[in-house]
Amino acid sequence: MGQIRDEILLKKIAMRLKELREKANLSQEELINETSIHIGRIETGKNNLTVSTLKKICVFFNIKLKDFFEGID
């Protein structure tokens, strides 16, 4: 069974991640160096990221998973 892709949701997650990164005044490269997560692929909405990856991103930004999804429906 293949992965399920919700393109609209992936774009919303991408925008939220970019918003957090820019608010922290970080480049994609800086975030990759800090987390080992290739943020560029996620920010384009091309990667269907895992919950584990999203959790690691939330820990990095010191937010809860539920707070990450605030405003994303």
Protein backbone atom coordinates (compact mmCIF):
# COMPACT_ATOMS: atom_id res chain seq x y z
CA MET A 1 0.00 0.00 0.00
CA GLY A 2 1.45 3.38 -1.00
CA GLN A 3 1.53 6.59 0.96
CA ILE A 4 -1.55 8.78 1.00
CA ARG A 5 -0.76 12.33 -0.15
CA ASP A 6 -2.96 15.29 0.69
CA GLU A 7 -1.37 18.02 -1.44
CA ILE A 8 -3.35 20.83 0.20
CA LEU A 9 -2.39 19.72 3.70
CA LEU A 10 1.25 19.33 2.70
CA LYS A 11 1.27 22.90 1.35
CA LYS A 12 -0.26 24.20 4.60
CA ILE A 13 2.35 22.35 6.65
CA ALA A 14 5.05 23.73 4.35
CA MET A 15 3.81 27.29 4.87
CA ARG A 16 3.62 26.81 8.65
CA LEU A 17 7.15 25.44 8.79
CA LYS A 18 8.47 28.30 6.68
CA GLU A 19 6.66 30.77 8.94
CA LEU A 20 8.29 29.27 12.05
CA ARG A 21 11.72 29.21 10.44
CA GLU A 22 11.51 32.81 9.24
CA LYS A 23 10.16 33.97 12.60
CA ALA A 24 13.25 32.39 14.20
CA ASN A 25 15.36 34.21 11.60
CA LEU A 26 16.92 30.97 10.36
CA SER A 27 17.93 29.94 6.86
CA GLN A 28 17.09 26.49 5.55
CA GLU A 29 20.75 25.60 5.78
CA GLU A 30 20.96 26.64 9.45
CA LEU A 31 17.93 24.54 10.27
CA ILE A 32 19.38 21.55 8.40
CA ASN A 33 22.64 21.94 10.36
CA GLU A 34 20.75 22.06 13.67
CA THR A 35 18.25 19.26 13.03
CA SER A 36 19.64 17.11 10.17
CA ILE A 37 16.22 17.50 8.51
CA HIS A 38 16.21 18.58 4.87
CA ILE A 39 13.72 21.42 5.37
CA GLY A 40 13.77 22.55 1.74
CA ARG A 41 11.97 19.44 0.56
CA ILE A 42 9.33 19.84 3.23
CA GLU A 43 8.86 23.58 2.63
CA THR A 44 8.08 22.93 -1.03
CA GLY A 45 5.32 20.52 -0.02
CA LYS A 46 6.99 17.71 -1.98
CA ASN A 47 7.83 15.53 1.03
CA ASN A 48 5.14 13.72 2.94
CA LEU A 49 6.90 14.10 6.28
CA THR A 50 6.51 11.63 9.11
CA VAL A 51 5.05 12.36 12.51
CA SER A 52 8.49 11.66 13.99
CA THR A 53 10.07 14.31 11.78
CA LEU A 54 7.34 16.79 12.63
CA LYS A 55 7.84 16.08 16.35
CA LYS A 56 11.58 16.75 15.99
CA ILE A 57 10.79 20.06 14.27
CA CYS A 58 8.39 21.01 17.05
CA VAL A 59 10.95 20.17 19.73
CA PHE A 60 13.48 22.34 17.90
CA PHE A 61 11.06 25.29 17.83
CA ASN A 62 9.93 24.56 21.39
CA ILE A 63 6.26 24.17 20.47
CA LYS A 64 3.75 21.37 20.97
CA LEU A 65 2.49 19.34 18.04
CA LYS A 66 -1.01 20.68 18.58
CA ASP A 67 0.34 24.23 18.43
CA PHE A 68 2.03 23.50 15.11
CA PHE A 69 -1.38 22.74 13.62
CA GLU A 70 -3.01 25.88 14.97
CA GLY A 71 -4.68 27.54 12.00
CA ILE A 72 -4.27 24.48 9.75
CA ASP A 73 -7.56 22.74 9.06
